[in-house]
């Protein structure tokens, strides 16, 4: 059975966050930091993984990603997660 993760990346150098989901976090993280040649994440490298949440279904992972990208979700990230990494 395939497992999905919702993840939060943090660029300490630029104080930026990126929120996403994947069924292969290691490959996705490698892409954000090294492989990708276009998109948002290439401008703010290097990234570190600061939060990973496991989900049994893609639907649940997408739902959580959508919440974390909302205003309330971003406030949660900045208040509860990032203070440990700044």
C-alpha atoms as a PDB file:
ATOM      1  CA  UNK A   1       0.000   0.000   0.000  1.00  0.00           C
ATOM      2  CA  UNK A   2       1.310   3.422  -0.946  1.00  0.00           C
ATOM      3  CA  UNK A   3       1.908   5.962   1.794  1.00  0.00           C
ATOM      4  CA  UNK A   4       1.855   9.728   1.364  1.00  0.00           C
ATOM      5  CA  UNK A   5       3.475  12.501   3.346  1.00  0.00           C
ATOM      6  CA  UNK A   6       2.736  16.154   3.794  1.00  0.00           C
ATOM      7  CA  UNK A   7       5.933  18.082   4.406  1.00  0.00           C
ATOM      8  CA  UNK A   8       7.193  21.534   5.262  1.00  0.00           C
ATOM      9  CA  UNK A   9      10.557  22.760   4.027  1.00  0.00           C
ATOM     10  CA  UNK A  10      12.354  25.746   5.504  1.00  0.00           C
ATOM     11  CA  UNK A  11      15.070  27.913   3.986  1.00  0.00           C
ATOM     12  CA  UNK A  12      16.889  29.453   6.931  1.00  0.00           C
ATOM     13  CA  UNK A  13      19.020  31.587   4.612  1.00  0.00           C
ATOM     14  CA  UNK A  14      15.933  33.332   3.173  1.00  0.00           C
ATOM     15  CA  UNK A  15      13.423  32.650   5.996  1.00  0.00           C
ATOM     16  CA  UNK A  16      10.995  31.018   3.529  1.00  0.00           C
ATOM     17  CA  UNK A  17       8.748  27.977   3.824  1.00  0.00           C
ATOM     18  CA  UNK A  18       7.475  25.532   1.227  1.00  0.00           C
ATOM     19  CA  UNK A  19       4.581  23.131   1.799  1.00  0.00           C
ATOM     20  CA  UNK A  20       3.958  20.055  -0.311  1.00  0.00           C
ATOM     21  CA  UNK A  21       2.989  16.401  -0.409  1.00  0.00           C
ATOM     22  CA  UNK A  22       4.572  13.341  -1.982  1.00  0.00           C
ATOM     23  CA  UNK A  23       4.626   9.571  -2.049  1.00  0.00           C
ATOM     24  CA  UNK A  24       8.454   9.682  -2.099  1.00  0.00           C
ATOM     25  CA  UNK A  25       9.771  12.347   0.259  1.00  0.00           C
ATOM     26  CA  UNK A  26      13.452  11.565  -0.216  1.00  0.00           C
ATOM     27  CA  UNK A  27      13.283  11.915  -4.005  1.00  0.00           C
ATOM     28  CA  UNK A  28      11.113  15.032  -3.728  1.00  0.00           C
ATOM     29  CA  UNK A  29      13.488  16.660  -1.237  1.00  0.00           C
ATOM     30  CA  UNK A  30      16.448  15.874  -3.500  1.00  0.00           C
ATOM     31  CA  UNK A  31      14.560  17.470  -6.383  1.00  0.00           C
ATOM     32  CA  UNK A  32      13.843  20.658  -4.396  1.00  0.00           C
ATOM     33  CA  UNK A  33      17.490  21.006  -3.322  1.00  0.00           C
ATOM     34  CA  UNK A  34      19.409  19.737  -6.350  1.00  0.00           C
ATOM     35  CA  UNK A  35      17.616  18.501  -9.472  1.00  0.00           C
ATOM     36  CA  UNK A  36      14.892  21.060 -10.235  1.00  0.00           C
ATOM     37  CA  UNK A  37      15.825  23.768 -12.727  1.00  0.00           C
ATOM     38  CA  UNK A  38      12.702  25.917 -12.462  1.00  0.00           C
ATOM     39  CA  UNK A  39      10.044  26.827  -9.938  1.00  0.00           C
ATOM     40  CA  UNK A  40       9.763  28.486  -6.539  1.00  0.00           C
ATOM     41  CA  UNK A  41      12.098  26.222  -4.599  1.00  0.00           C
ATOM     42  CA  UNK A  42      15.228  26.775  -6.697  1.00  0.00           C
ATOM     43  CA  UNK A  43      15.404  30.455  -5.663  1.00  0.00           C
ATOM     44  CA  UNK A  44      15.643  29.760  -1.934  1.00  0.00           C
ATOM     45  CA  UNK A  45      18.038  26.821  -1.645  1.00  0.00           C
ATOM     46  CA  UNK A  46      19.175  25.195   0.561  1.00  0.00           C
ATOM     47  CA  UNK A  47      16.051  23.698   2.134  1.00  0.00           C
ATOM     48  CA  UNK A  48      15.688  21.589   5.255  1.00  0.00           C
ATOM     49  CA  UNK A  49      12.752  19.361   6.164  1.00  0.00           C
ATOM     50  CA  UNK A  50      11.142  20.717   9.348  1.00  0.00           C
ATOM     51  CA  UNK A  51       7.856  18.767   9.435  1.00  0.00           C
ATOM     52  CA  UNK A  52       6.675  15.450   8.008  1.00  0.00           C
ATOM     53  CA  UNK A  53       3.193  13.996   8.485  1.00  0.00           C
ATOM     54  CA  UNK A  54       2.273  10.522   7.216  1.00  0.00           C
ATOM     55  CA  UNK A  55      -1.074   9.770   5.573  1.00  0.00           C
ATOM     56  CA  UNK A  56      -2.665   6.545   4.384  1.00  0.00           C
ATOM     57  CA  UNK A  57      -4.363   8.195   1.379  1.00  0.00           C
ATOM     58  CA  UNK A  58      -3.491  10.827  -1.180  1.00  0.00           C
ATOM     59  CA  UNK A  59      -6.768  12.598  -0.368  1.00  0.00           C
ATOM     60  CA  UNK A  60      -5.788  13.029   3.286  1.00  0.00           C
ATOM     61  CA  UNK A  61      -2.321  14.289   2.335  1.00  0.00           C
ATOM     62  CA  UNK A  62      -3.812  16.831  -0.079  1.00  0.00           C
ATOM     63  CA  UNK A  63      -6.342  17.954   2.525  1.00  0.00           C
ATOM     64  CA  UNK A  64      -3.569  18.546   5.073  1.00  0.00           C
ATOM     65  CA  UNK A  65      -1.407  20.338   2.483  1.00  0.00           C
ATOM     66  CA  UNK A  66      -4.317  22.645   1.688  1.00  0.00           C
ATOM     67  CA  UNK A  67      -4.807  23.414   5.392  1.00  0.00           C
ATOM     68  CA  UNK A  68      -1.104  24.129   5.955  1.00  0.00           C
ATOM     69  CA  UNK A  69      -1.138  26.520   2.985  1.00  0.00           C
ATOM     70  CA  UNK A  70      -4.074  28.443   4.506  1.00  0.00           C
ATOM     71  CA  UNK A  71      -3.575  31.469   6.741  1.00  0.00           C
ATOM     72  CA  UNK A  72      -4.271  29.435   9.879  1.00  0.00           C
ATOM     73  CA  UNK A  73      -1.922  26.676   8.731  1.00  0.00           C
ATOM     74  CA  UNK A  74       0.907  29.115   8.018  1.00  0.00           C
ATOM     75  CA  UNK A  75       0.427  30.716  11.446  1.00  0.00           C
ATOM     76  CA  UNK A  76       0.687  27.238  12.994  1.00  0.00           C
ATOM     77  CA  UNK A  77       3.944  26.576  11.113  1.00  0.00           C
ATOM     78  CA  UNK A  78       5.480  29.919  12.107  1.00  0.00           C
ATOM     79  CA  UNK A  79       4.407  29.639  15.761  1.00  0.00           C
ATOM     80  CA  UNK A  80       4.820  25.914  16.519  1.00  0.00           C
ATOM     81  CA  UNK A  81       7.453  24.546  14.119  1.00  0.00           C
ATOM     82  CA  UNK A  82       9.860  27.232  12.950  1.00  0.00           C
ATOM     83  CA  UNK A  83      10.962  28.557  16.368  1.00  0.00           C
ATOM     84  CA  UNK A  84      12.914  25.293  16.748  1.00  0.00           C
ATOM     85  CA  UNK A  85      14.913  26.042  13.568  1.00  0.00           C
ATOM     86  CA  UNK A  86      15.589  29.790  13.663  1.00  0.00           C
END
